[in-house]
PDB file of N, CA and C in Angstrom:
ATOM      1  N   UNK A   1       0.890  -1.192   0.001  1.00  0.00           N
ATOM      2  CA  UNK A   1       0.017   0.001   0.004  1.00  0.00           C
ATOM      3  C   UNK A   1       0.875   1.269   0.010  1.00  0.00           C
ATOM      4  N   UNK A   2       2.064   1.163   0.562  1.00  0.00           N
ATOM      5  CA  UNK A   2       2.973   2.312   0.563  1.00  0.00           C
ATOM      6  C   UNK A   2       3.380   2.732  -0.851  1.00  0.00           C
ATOM      7  N   UNK A   3       3.558   1.740  -1.693  1.00  0.00           N
ATOM      8  CA  UNK A   3       3.893   2.074  -3.117  1.00  0.00           C
ATOM      9  C   UNK A   3       2.710   2.806  -3.809  1.00  0.00           C
ATOM     10  N   UNK A   4       1.474   2.326  -3.575  1.00  0.00           N
ATOM     11  CA  UNK A   4       0.337   2.966  -4.195  1.00  0.00           C
ATOM     12  C   UNK A   4       0.204   4.381  -3.680  1.00  0.00           C
ATOM     13  N   UNK A   5       0.448   4.621  -2.412  1.00  0.00           N
ATOM     14  CA  UNK A   5       0.397   6.009  -1.835  1.00  0.00           C
ATOM     15  C   UNK A   5       1.471   6.878  -2.494  1.00  0.00           C
ATOM     16  N   UNK A   6       2.690   6.344  -2.656  1.00  0.00           N
ATOM     17  CA  UNK A   6       3.767   7.048  -3.275  1.00  0.00           C
ATOM     18  C   UNK A   6       3.452   7.441  -4.722  1.00  0.00           C
ATOM     19  N   UNK A   7       2.890   6.466  -5.466  1.00  0.00           N
ATOM     20  CA  UNK A   7       2.517   6.739  -6.829  1.00  0.00           C
ATOM     21  C   UNK A   7       1.422   7.796  -6.958  1.00  0.00           C
ATOM     22  N   UNK A   8       0.457   7.749  -5.995  1.00  0.00           N
ATOM     23  CA  UNK A   8      -0.592   8.784  -6.033  1.00  0.00           C
ATOM     24  C   UNK A   8      -0.030  10.132  -5.685  1.00  0.00           C
ATOM     25  N   UNK A   9       0.923  10.211  -4.727  1.00  0.00           N
ATOM     26  CA  UNK A   9       1.527  11.496  -4.389  1.00  0.00           C
ATOM     27  C   UNK A   9       2.326  12.028  -5.597  1.00  0.00           C
ATOM     28  N   UNK A  10       3.041  11.166  -6.273  1.00  0.00           N
ATOM     29  CA  UNK A  10       3.801  11.587  -7.452  1.00  0.00           C
ATOM     30  C   UNK A  10       2.832  12.095  -8.522  1.00  0.00           C
ATOM     31  N   UNK A  11       1.678  11.453  -8.670  1.00  0.00           N
ATOM     32  CA  UNK A  11       0.668  11.888  -9.637  1.00  0.00           C
ATOM     33  C   UNK A  11       0.112  13.257  -9.262  1.00  0.00           C
ATOM     34  N   UNK A  12      -0.138  13.479  -7.976  1.00  0.00           N
ATOM     35  CA  UNK A  12      -0.634  14.800  -7.499  1.00  0.00           C
ATOM     36  C   UNK A  12       0.420  15.881  -7.817  1.00  0.00           C
ATOM     37  N   UNK A  13       1.667  15.634  -7.467  1.00  0.00           N
ATOM     38  CA  UNK A  13       2.725  16.620  -7.729  1.00  0.00           C
ATOM     39  C   UNK A  13       2.968  16.872  -9.198  1.00  0.00           C
ATOM     40  N   UNK A  14       3.040  15.844 -10.006  1.00  0.00           N
ATOM     41  CA  UNK A  14       3.230  15.966 -11.432  1.00  0.00           C
ATOM     42  C   UNK A  14       2.073  16.763 -12.065  1.00  0.00           C
ATOM     43  N   UNK A  15       0.817  16.393 -11.698  1.00  0.00           N
ATOM     44  CA  UNK A  15      -0.302  17.081 -12.279  1.00  0.00           C
ATOM     45  C   UNK A  15      -0.389  18.542 -11.792  1.00  0.00           C
ATOM     46  N   UNK A  16      -0.045  18.769 -10.556  1.00  0.00           N
ATOM     47  CA  UNK A  16      -0.008  20.151 -10.069  1.00  0.00           C
ATOM     48  C   UNK A  16       0.915  20.986 -10.927  1.00  0.00           C
ATOM     49  N   UNK A  17       2.184  20.477 -11.088  1.00  0.00           N
ATOM     50  CA  UNK A  17       3.148  21.200 -11.905  1.00  0.00           C
ATOM     51  C   UNK A  17       2.629  21.441 -13.326  1.00  0.00           C
ATOM     52  N   UNK A  18       2.107  20.358 -13.938  1.00  0.00           N
ATOM     53  CA  UNK A  18       1.598  20.436 -15.344  1.00  0.00           C
ATOM     54  C   UNK A  18       0.451  21.405 -15.469  1.00  0.00           C
ATOM     55  N   UNK A  19      -0.470  21.403 -14.517  1.00  0.00           N
ATOM     56  CA  UNK A  19      -1.624  22.302 -14.567  1.00  0.00           C
ATOM     57  C   UNK A  19      -1.165  23.776 -14.396  1.00  0.00           C
ATOM     58  N   UNK A  20      -0.281  24.012 -13.465  1.00  0.00           N
ATOM     59  CA  UNK A  20       0.217  25.365 -13.262  1.00  0.00           C
ATOM     60  C   UNK A  20       0.912  25.827 -14.494  1.00  0.00           C
ATOM     61  N   UNK A  21       1.779  24.955 -15.075  1.00  0.00           N
ATOM     62  CA  UNK A  21       2.441  25.323 -16.326  1.00  0.00           C
ATOM     63  C   UNK A  21       1.457  25.596 -17.464  1.00  0.00           C
ATOM     64  N   UNK A  22       0.520  24.753 -17.658  1.00  0.00           N
ATOM     65  CA  UNK A  22      -0.446  24.899 -18.731  1.00  0.00           C
ATOM     66  C   UNK A  22      -1.273  26.161 -18.611  1.00  0.00           C
ATOM     67  N   UNK A  23      -1.749  26.445 -17.378  1.00  0.00           N
ATOM     68  CA  UNK A  23      -2.650  27.575 -17.179  1.00  0.00           C
ATOM     69  C   UNK A  23      -1.840  28.919 -17.196  1.00  0.00           C
ATOM     70  N   UNK A  24      -0.570  28.905 -16.810  1.00  0.00           N
ATOM     71  CA  UNK A  24       0.190  30.162 -16.818  1.00  0.00           C
ATOM     72  C   UNK A  24       0.911  30.482 -18.116  1.00  0.00           C
ATOM     73  N   UNK A  25       1.291  29.420 -18.862  1.00  0.00           N
ATOM     74  CA  UNK A  25       2.066  29.691 -20.070  1.00  0.00           C
ATOM     75  C   UNK A  25       1.209  29.417 -21.318  1.00  0.00           C
ATOM     76  N   UNK A  26       0.286  28.501 -21.272  1.00  0.00           N
ATOM     77  CA  UNK A  26      -0.520  28.149 -22.421  1.00  0.00           C
ATOM     78  C   UNK A  26      -1.788  28.979 -22.604  1.00  0.00           C
ATOM     79  N   UNK A  27      -2.410  28.785 -23.730  1.00  0.00           N
ATOM     80  CA  UNK A  27      -3.714  29.425 -24.036  1.00  0.00           C
ATOM     81  C   UNK A  27      -4.700  28.281 -24.243  1.00  0.00           C
ATOM     82  N   UNK A  28      -5.475  28.005 -23.198  1.00  0.00           N
ATOM     83  CA  UNK A  28      -6.361  26.821 -23.171  1.00  0.00           C
ATOM     84  C   UNK A  28      -7.236  26.741 -24.404  1.00  0.00           C
ATOM     85  N   UNK A  29      -7.922  27.816 -24.745  1.00  0.00           N
ATOM     86  CA  UNK A  29      -8.890  27.809 -25.866  1.00  0.00           C
ATOM     87  C   UNK A  29      -8.223  27.725 -27.222  1.00  0.00           C
ATOM     88  N   UNK A  30      -7.133  28.444 -27.461  1.00  0.00           N
ATOM     89  CA  UNK A  30      -6.469  28.405 -28.745  1.00  0.00           C
ATOM     90  C   UNK A  30      -5.829  27.076 -28.948  1.00  0.00           C
ATOM     91  N   UNK A  31      -5.120  26.571 -27.941  1.00  0.00           N
ATOM     92  CA  UNK A  31      -4.430  25.292 -28.091  1.00  0.00           C
ATOM     93  C   UNK A  31      -5.408  24.112 -28.082  1.00  0.00           C
ATOM     94  N   UNK A  32      -6.497  24.264 -27.359  1.00  0.00           N
ATOM     95  CA  UNK A  32      -7.537  23.222 -27.320  1.00  0.00           C
ATOM     96  C   UNK A  32      -8.248  23.091 -28.666  1.00  0.00           C
ATOM     97  N   UNK A  33      -8.506  24.211 -29.292  1.00  0.00           N
ATOM     98  CA  UNK A  33      -9.154  24.150 -30.630  1.00  0.00           C
ATOM     99  C   UNK A  33      -8.187  23.581 -31.655  1.00  0.00           C
ATOM    100  N   UNK A  34      -6.897  23.905 -31.514  1.00  0.00           N
ATOM    101  CA  UNK A  34      -5.950  23.277 -32.441  1.00  0.00           C
ATOM    102  C   UNK A  34      -5.804  21.788 -32.223  1.00  0.00           C
ATOM    103  N   UNK A  35      -5.833  21.368 -30.988  1.00  0.00           N
ATOM    104  CA  UNK A  35      -5.766  19.932 -30.661  1.00  0.00           C
ATOM    105  C   UNK A  35      -6.968  19.180 -31.235  1.00  0.00           C
ATOM    106  N   UNK A  36      -8.140  19.797 -31.042  1.00  0.00           N
ATOM    107  CA  UNK A  36      -9.386  19.173 -31.554  1.00  0.00           C
ATOM    108  C   UNK A  36      -9.509  19.159 -33.052  1.00  0.00           C
ATOM    109  N   UNK A  37      -8.664  19.909 -33.717  1.00  0.00           N
ATOM    110  CA  UNK A  37      -8.662  19.873 -35.205  1.00  0.00           C
ATOM    111  C   UNK A  37      -7.828  18.829 -35.820  1.00  0.00           C
ATOM    112  N   UNK A  38      -7.034  18.168 -35.011  1.00  0.00           N
ATOM    113  CA  UNK A  38      -6.122  17.120 -35.548  1.00  0.00           C
ATOM    114  C   UNK A  38      -6.678  15.685 -35.199  1.00  0.00           C
ATOM    115  N   UNK A  39      -6.542  14.774 -36.153  1.00  0.00           N
ATOM    116  CA  UNK A  39      -7.052  13.460 -35.894  1.00  0.00           C
ATOM    117  C   UNK A  39      -6.475  12.783 -34.647  1.00  0.00           C
ATOM    118  N   UNK A  40      -5.180  12.888 -34.398  1.00  0.00           N
ATOM    119  CA  UNK A  40      -4.598  12.283 -33.199  1.00  0.00           C
ATOM    120  C   UNK A  40      -4.957  13.092 -31.958  1.00  0.00           C
ATOM    121  N   UNK A  41      -5.242  14.330 -32.124  1.00  0.00           N
ATOM    122  CA  UNK A  41      -5.711  15.088 -30.993  1.00  0.00           C
ATOM    123  C   UNK A  41      -7.093  14.623 -30.526  1.00  0.00           C
ATOM    124  N   UNK A  42      -7.923  14.272 -31.490  1.00  0.00           N
ATOM    125  CA  UNK A  42      -9.260  13.765 -31.209  1.00  0.00           C
ATOM    126  C   UNK A  42      -9.119  12.378 -30.536  1.00  0.00           C
ATOM    127  N   UNK A  43      -8.255  11.552 -31.103  1.00  0.00           N
ATOM    128  CA  UNK A  43      -7.964  10.243 -30.495  1.00  0.00           C
ATOM    129  C   UNK A  43      -7.548  10.380 -29.063  1.00  0.00           C
ATOM    130  N   UNK A  44      -6.620  11.295 -28.843  1.00  0.00           N
ATOM    131  CA  UNK A  44      -6.107  11.541 -27.513  1.00  0.00           C
ATOM    132  C   UNK A  44      -7.194  11.999 -26.498  1.00  0.00           C
ATOM    133  N   UNK A  45      -8.085  12.854 -26.987  1.00  0.00           N
ATOM    134  CA  UNK A  45      -9.172  13.347 -26.142  1.00  0.00           C
ATOM    135  C   UNK A  45     -10.181  12.201 -25.845  1.00  0.00           C
ATOM    136  N   UNK A  46     -10.497  11.422 -26.826  1.00  0.00           N
ATOM    137  CA  UNK A  46     -11.388  10.292 -26.622  1.00  0.00           C
ATOM    138  C   UNK A  46     -10.790   9.303 -25.607  1.00  0.00           C
ATOM    139  N   UNK A  47      -9.521   9.043 -25.782  1.00  0.00           N
ATOM    140  CA  UNK A  47      -8.784   8.124 -24.874  1.00  0.00           C
ATOM    141  C   UNK A  47      -8.841   8.673 -23.462  1.00  0.00           C
ATOM    142  N   UNK A  48      -8.491   9.968 -23.299  1.00  0.00           N
ATOM    143  CA  UNK A  48      -8.473  10.615 -22.033  1.00  0.00           C
ATOM    144  C   UNK A  48      -9.796  10.610 -21.297  1.00  0.00           C
ATOM    145  N   UNK A  49     -10.864  10.942 -22.022  1.00  0.00           N
ATOM    146  CA  UNK A  49     -12.176  11.001 -21.359  1.00  0.00           C
ATOM    147  C   UNK A  49     -12.785   9.629 -21.187  1.00  0.00           C
ATOM    148  N   UNK A  50     -12.361   8.688 -21.948  1.00  0.00           N
ATOM    149  CA  UNK A  50     -12.792   7.276 -21.647  1.00  0.00           C
ATOM    150  C   UNK A  50     -12.175   6.839 -20.326  1.00  0.00           C
ATOM    151  N   UNK A  51     -10.894   7.176 -20.093  1.00  0.00           N
ATOM    152  CA  UNK A  51     -10.275   6.858 -18.830  1.00  0.00           C
ATOM    153  C   UNK A  51     -10.884   7.629 -17.682  1.00  0.00           C
ATOM    154  N   UNK A  52     -11.169   8.913 -17.903  1.00  0.00           N
ATOM    155  CA  UNK A  52     -11.831   9.697 -16.835  1.00  0.00           C
ATOM    156  C   UNK A  52     -13.188   9.085 -16.483  1.00  0.00           C
ATOM    157  N   UNK A  53     -13.930   8.654 -17.490  1.00  0.00           N
ATOM    158  CA  UNK A  53     -15.283   8.086 -17.263  1.00  0.00           C
ATOM    159  C   UNK A  53     -15.165   6.775 -16.464  1.00  0.00           C
ATOM    160  N   UNK A  54     -14.248   5.922 -16.850  1.00  0.00           N
ATOM    161  CA  UNK A  54     -14.087   4.636 -16.176  1.00  0.00           C
ATOM    162  C   UNK A  54     -13.660   4.876 -14.662  1.00  0.00           C
ATOM    163  N   UNK A  55     -12.737   5.764 -14.516  1.00  0.00           N
ATOM    164  CA  UNK A  55     -12.270   6.089 -13.130  1.00  0.00           C
ATOM    165  C   UNK A  55     -13.418   6.697 -12.285  1.00  0.00           C
ATOM    166  N   UNK A  56     -14.206   7.552 -12.944  1.00  0.00           N
ATOM    167  CA  UNK A  56     -15.373   8.140 -12.284  1.00  0.00           C
ATOM    168  C   UNK A  56     -16.428   7.132 -11.912  1.00  0.00           C
ATOM    169  N   UNK A  57     -16.551   6.078 -12.725  1.00  0.00           N
ATOM    170  CA  UNK A  57     -17.526   4.997 -12.410  1.00  0.00           C
ATOM    171  C   UNK A  57     -17.051   4.267 -11.139  1.00  0.00           C
ATOM    172  N   UNK A  58     -15.798   4.102 -10.987  1.00  0.00           N
ATOM    173  CA  UNK A  58     -15.257   3.492  -9.770  1.00  0.00           C
ATOM    174  C   UNK A  58     -15.535   4.380  -8.581  1.00  0.00           C
ATOM    175  N   UNK A  59     -15.316   5.647  -8.713  1.00  0.00           N
ATOM    176  CA  UNK A  59     -15.620   6.612  -7.614  1.00  0.00           C
ATOM    177  C   UNK A  59     -17.102   6.546  -7.208  1.00  0.00           C
ATOM    178  N   UNK A  60     -17.997   6.557  -8.206  1.00  0.00           N
ATOM    179  CA  UNK A  60     -19.408   6.563  -7.913  1.00  0.00           C
ATOM    180  C   UNK A  60     -19.808   5.236  -7.266  1.00  0.00           C
ATOM    181  N   UNK A  61     -19.196   4.096  -7.677  1.00  0.00           N
ATOM    182  CA  UNK A  61     -19.463   2.804  -7.085  1.00  0.00           C
ATOM    183  C   UNK A  61     -19.073   2.786  -5.581  1.00  0.00           C
ATOM    184  N   UNK A  62     -17.892   3.271  -5.287  1.00  0.00           N
ATOM    185  CA  UNK A  62     -17.370   3.083  -3.954  1.00  0.00           C
ATOM    186  C   UNK A  62     -17.795   4.174  -2.948  1.00  0.00           C
ATOM    187  N   UNK A  63     -18.274   5.322  -3.378  1.00  0.00           N
ATOM    188  CA  UNK A  63     -18.594   6.404  -2.456  1.00  0.00           C
ATOM    189  C   UNK A  63     -19.994   6.146  -1.752  1.00  0.00           C
ATOM    190  N   UNK A  64     -20.072   6.565  -0.535  1.00  0.00           N
ATOM    191  CA  UNK A  64     -21.260   6.468   0.258  1.00  0.00           C
ATOM    192  C   UNK A  64     -22.290   7.513  -0.162  1.00  0.00           C
ATOM    193  N   UNK A  65     -21.807   8.692  -0.532  1.00  0.00           N
ATOM    194  CA  UNK A  65     -22.676   9.844  -0.805  1.00  0.00           C
ATOM    195  C   UNK A  65     -22.680  10.158  -2.297  1.00  0.00           C
ATOM    196  N   UNK A  66     -23.821  10.204  -2.880  1.00  0.00           N
ATOM    197  CA  UNK A  66     -23.956  10.565  -4.337  1.00  0.00           C
ATOM    198  C   UNK A  66     -23.449  11.975  -4.594  1.00  0.00           C
ATOM    199  N   UNK A  67     -23.843  12.975  -3.769  1.00  0.00           N
ATOM    200  CA  UNK A  67     -23.266  14.332  -4.035  1.00  0.00           C
ATOM    201  C   UNK A  67     -21.780  14.360  -3.974  1.00  0.00           C
ATOM    202  N   UNK A  68     -21.137  13.640  -3.085  1.00  0.00           N
ATOM    203  CA  UNK A  68     -19.684  13.607  -2.991  1.00  0.00           C
ATOM    204  C   UNK A  68     -19.144  12.929  -4.272  1.00  0.00           C
ATOM    205  N   UNK A  69     -19.721  11.873  -4.711  1.00  0.00           N
ATOM    206  CA  UNK A  69     -19.306  11.162  -5.923  1.00  0.00           C
ATOM    207  C   UNK A  69     -19.450  12.100  -7.147  1.00  0.00           C
ATOM    208  N   UNK A  70     -20.512  12.845  -7.198  1.00  0.00           N
ATOM    209  CA  UNK A  70     -20.734  13.781  -8.338  1.00  0.00           C
ATOM    210  C   UNK A  70     -19.666  14.845  -8.308  1.00  0.00           C
ATOM    211  N   UNK A  71     -19.354  15.378  -7.097  1.00  0.00           N
ATOM    212  CA  UNK A  71     -18.297  16.437  -6.996  1.00  0.00           C
ATOM    213  C   UNK A  71     -16.991  15.912  -7.449  1.00  0.00           C
ATOM    214  N   UNK A  72     -16.634  14.664  -7.064  1.00  0.00           N
ATOM    215  CA  UNK A  72     -15.347  14.085  -7.490  1.00  0.00           C
ATOM    216  C   UNK A  72     -15.375  13.837  -8.997  1.00  0.00           C
ATOM    217  N   UNK A  73     -16.512  13.453  -9.536  1.00  0.00           N
ATOM    218  CA  UNK A  73     -16.592  13.207 -11.001  1.00  0.00           C
ATOM    219  C   UNK A  73     -16.366  14.536 -11.776  1.00  0.00           C
ATOM    220  N   UNK A  74     -16.981  15.581 -11.286  1.00  0.00           N
ATOM    221  CA  UNK A  74     -16.781  16.927 -11.919  1.00  0.00           C
ATOM    222  C   UNK A  74     -15.309  17.335 -11.851  1.00  0.00           C
ATOM    223  N   UNK A  75     -14.704  17.086 -10.655  1.00  0.00           N
ATOM    224  CA  UNK A  75     -13.271  17.398 -10.511  1.00  0.00           C
ATOM    225  C   UNK A  75     -12.444  16.532 -11.490  1.00  0.00           C
ATOM    226  N   UNK A  76     -12.807  15.280 -11.595  1.00  0.00           N
ATOM    227  CA  UNK A  76     -12.111  14.365 -12.532  1.00  0.00           C
ATOM    228  C   UNK A  76     -12.173  14.879 -13.974  1.00  0.00           C
ATOM    229  N   UNK A  77     -13.357  15.305 -14.397  1.00  0.00           N
ATOM    230  CA  UNK A  77     -13.565  15.711 -15.763  1.00  0.00           C
ATOM    231  C   UNK A  77     -12.911  17.092 -16.061  1.00  0.00           C
ATOM    232  N   UNK A  78     -12.699  17.907 -15.039  1.00  0.00           N
ATOM    233  CA  UNK A  78     -12.100  19.203 -15.257  1.00  0.00           C
ATOM    234  C   UNK A  78     -10.630  19.292 -14.902  1.00  0.00           C
ATOM    235  N   UNK A  79     -10.217  18.561 -13.923  1.00  0.00           N
ATOM    236  CA  UNK A  79      -8.832  18.596 -13.466  1.00  0.00           C
ATOM    237  C   UNK A  79      -7.984  17.357 -13.767  1.00  0.00           C
ATOM    238  N   UNK A  80      -8.666  16.384 -14.388  1.00  0.00           N
ATOM    239  CA  UNK A  80      -7.998  15.165 -14.822  1.00  0.00           C
ATOM    240  C   UNK A  80      -7.440  14.377 -13.664  1.00  0.00           C
ATOM    241  N   UNK A  81      -6.314  13.764 -13.889  1.00  0.00           N
ATOM    242  CA  UNK A  81      -5.762  12.877 -12.886  1.00  0.00           C
ATOM    243  C   UNK A  81      -5.060  13.575 -11.750  1.00  0.00           C
ATOM    244  N   UNK A  82      -5.128  14.913 -11.694  1.00  0.00           N
ATOM    245  CA  UNK A  82      -4.837  15.580 -10.467  1.00  0.00           C
ATOM    246  C   UNK A  82      -5.886  15.139  -9.419  1.00  0.00           C
ATOM    247  N   UNK A  83      -7.177  15.229  -9.857  1.00  0.00           N
ATOM    248  CA  UNK A  83      -8.249  14.851  -8.985  1.00  0.00           C
ATOM    249  C   UNK A  83      -8.206  13.314  -8.760  1.00  0.00           C
ATOM    250  N   UNK A  84      -7.923  12.553  -9.780  1.00  0.00           N
ATOM    251  CA  UNK A  84      -7.872  11.101  -9.687  1.00  0.00           C
ATOM    252  C   UNK A  84      -6.783  10.667  -8.715  1.00  0.00           C
ATOM    253  N   UNK A  85      -5.574  11.244  -8.777  1.00  0.00           N
ATOM    254  CA  UNK A  85      -4.504  10.958  -7.879  1.00  0.00           C
ATOM    255  C   UNK A  85      -4.883  11.347  -6.453  1.00  0.00           C
ATOM    256  N   UNK A  86      -5.461  12.502  -6.298  1.00  0.00           N
ATOM    257  CA  UNK A  86      -5.878  12.991  -4.950  1.00  0.00           C
ATOM    258  C   UNK A  86      -6.913  12.052  -4.368  1.00  0.00           C
ATOM    259  N   UNK A  87      -7.913  11.661  -5.200  1.00  0.00           N
ATOM    260  CA  UNK A  87      -8.968  10.749  -4.715  1.00  0.00           C
ATOM    261  C   UNK A  87      -8.372   9.483  -4.289  1.00  0.00           C
ATOM    262  N   UNK A  88      -7.450   8.886  -5.095  1.00  0.00           N
ATOM    263  CA  UNK A  88      -6.848   7.586  -4.810  1.00  0.00           C
ATOM    264  C   UNK A  88      -6.025   7.685  -3.530  1.00  0.00           C
ATOM    265  N   UNK A  89      -5.304   8.806  -3.323  1.00  0.00           N
ATOM    266  CA  UNK A  89      -4.528   8.972  -2.117  1.00  0.00           C
ATOM    267  C   UNK A  89      -5.459   9.004  -0.864  1.00  0.00           C
ATOM    268  N   UNK A  90      -6.489   9.773  -0.975  1.00  0.00           N
ATOM    269  CA  UNK A  90      -7.474   9.892   0.169  1.00  0.00           C
ATOM    270  C   UNK A  90      -8.083   8.488   0.461  1.00  0.00           C
ATOM    271  N   UNK A  91      -8.482   7.794  -0.610  1.00  0.00           N
ATOM    272  CA  UNK A  91      -9.097   6.498  -0.461  1.00  0.00           C
ATOM    273  C   UNK A  91      -8.059   5.495   0.164  1.00  0.00           C
ATOM    274  N   UNK A  92      -6.818   5.611  -0.223  1.00  0.00           N
ATOM    275  CA  UNK A  92      -5.801   4.749   0.380  1.00  0.00           C
ATOM    276  C   UNK A  92      -5.619   5.077   1.869  1.00  0.00           C
ATOM    277  N   UNK A  93      -5.629   6.360   2.192  1.00  0.00           N
ATOM    278  CA  UNK A  93      -5.483   6.784   3.600  1.00  0.00           C
ATOM    279  C   UNK A  93      -6.654   6.244   4.429  1.00  0.00           C
ATOM    280  N   UNK A  94      -7.851   6.373   3.921  1.00  0.00           N
ATOM    281  CA  UNK A  94      -9.074   6.001   4.655  1.00  0.00           C
ATOM    282  C   UNK A  94      -9.242   4.479   4.763  1.00  0.00           C
ATOM    283  N   UNK A  95      -8.530   3.750   3.935  1.00  0.00           N
ATOM    284  CA  UNK A  95      -8.784   2.299   3.840  1.00  0.00           C
ATOM    285  C   UNK A  95      -8.171   1.511   5.020  1.00  0.00           C
ATOM    286  N   UNK A  96      -7.302   2.173   5.779  1.00  0.00           N
ATOM    287  CA  UNK A  96      -6.690   1.466   6.898  1.00  0.00           C
ATOM    288  C   UNK A  96      -5.802   0.307   6.499  1.00  0.00           C
ATOM    289  N   UNK A  97      -5.140   0.446   5.342  1.00  0.00           N
ATOM    290  CA  UNK A  97      -4.269  -0.620   4.795  1.00  0.00           C
ATOM    291  C   UNK A  97      -5.053  -1.858   4.381  1.00  0.00           C
ATOM    292  N   UNK A  98      -6.347  -1.681   4.079  1.00  0.00           N
ATOM    293  CA  UNK A  98      -7.197  -2.832   3.658  1.00  0.00           C
ATOM    294  C   UNK A  98      -7.492  -2.593   2.182  1.00  0.00           C
ATOM    295  N   UNK A  99      -6.889  -3.456   1.325  1.00  0.00           N
ATOM    296  CA  UNK A  99      -7.072  -3.291  -0.120  1.00  0.00           C
ATOM    297  C   UNK A  99      -8.522  -3.436  -0.523  1.00  0.00           C
ATOM    298  N   UNK A 100      -9.229  -4.384   0.190  1.00  0.00           N
ATOM    299  CA  UNK A 100     -10.644  -4.600  -0.134  1.00  0.00           C
ATOM    300  C   UNK A 100     -11.457  -3.333   0.109  1.00  0.00           C
ATOM    301  N   UNK A 101     -11.205  -2.658   1.204  1.00  0.00           N
ATOM    302  CA  UNK A 101     -11.896  -1.404   1.505  1.00  0.00           C
ATOM    303  C   UNK A 101     -11.493  -0.317   0.529  1.00  0.00           C
ATOM    304  N   UNK A 102     -10.225  -0.307   0.100  1.00  0.00           N
ATOM    305  CA  UNK A 102      -9.781   0.685  -0.894  1.00  0.00           C
ATOM    306  C   UNK A 102     -10.558   0.515  -2.205  1.00  0.00           C
ATOM    307  N   UNK A 103     -10.629  -0.737  -2.692  1.00  0.00           N
ATOM    308  CA  UNK A 103     -11.241  -0.996  -4.002  1.00  0.00           C
ATOM    309  C   UNK A 103     -12.747  -0.888  -3.938  1.00  0.00           C
ATOM    310  N   UNK A 104     -13.345  -1.327  -2.846  1.00  0.00           N
ATOM    311  CA  UNK A 104     -14.812  -1.501  -2.820  1.00  0.00           C
ATOM    312  C   UNK A 104     -15.536  -0.375  -2.062  1.00  0.00           C
ATOM    313  N   UNK A 105     -14.800   0.373  -1.249  1.00  0.00           N
ATOM    314  CA  UNK A 105     -15.464   1.467  -0.489  1.00  0.00           C
ATOM    315  C   UNK A 105     -16.585   1.000   0.340  1.00  0.00           C
ATOM    316  N   UNK A 106     -17.754   1.579   0.081  1.00  0.00           N
ATOM    317  CA  UNK A 106     -18.952   1.259   0.868  1.00  0.00           C
ATOM    318  C   UNK A 106     -19.400  -0.193   0.752  1.00  0.00           C
ATOM    319  N   UNK A 107     -18.937  -0.894  -0.234  1.00  0.00           N
ATOM    320  CA  UNK A 107     -19.362  -2.274  -0.471  1.00  0.00           C
ATOM    321  C   UNK A 107     -18.416  -3.266   0.219  1.00  0.00           C
ATOM    322  N   UNK A 108     -17.383  -2.806   0.874  1.00  0.00           N
ATOM    323  CA  UNK A 108     -16.399  -3.715   1.519  1.00  0.00           C
ATOM    324  C   UNK A 108     -17.026  -4.315   2.792  1.00  0.00           C
TER     325      UNK A 108
END
């Protein structure tokens, strides 16, 4: 479980740096429209949001509260795996070193 926590912390830090860089140096709308105009840009976006959706389904399954699950899903769709890494880290912390509780949440 220590390795999973370390990986999630690295994900949080990497995504924090990438998001800060992107929002301070890049032009979200200009670069986003350019990305969406390229075939591999579209493939990348479909791949990305397919992963976000699958991860969000896991969040919705394991959370006790639907409003909390919806908030995490919105965070996932807007902040990407910054939110996913943070969610995983929090879930790991709350699991008490129990993998079953980590994966299944309220169903454990």
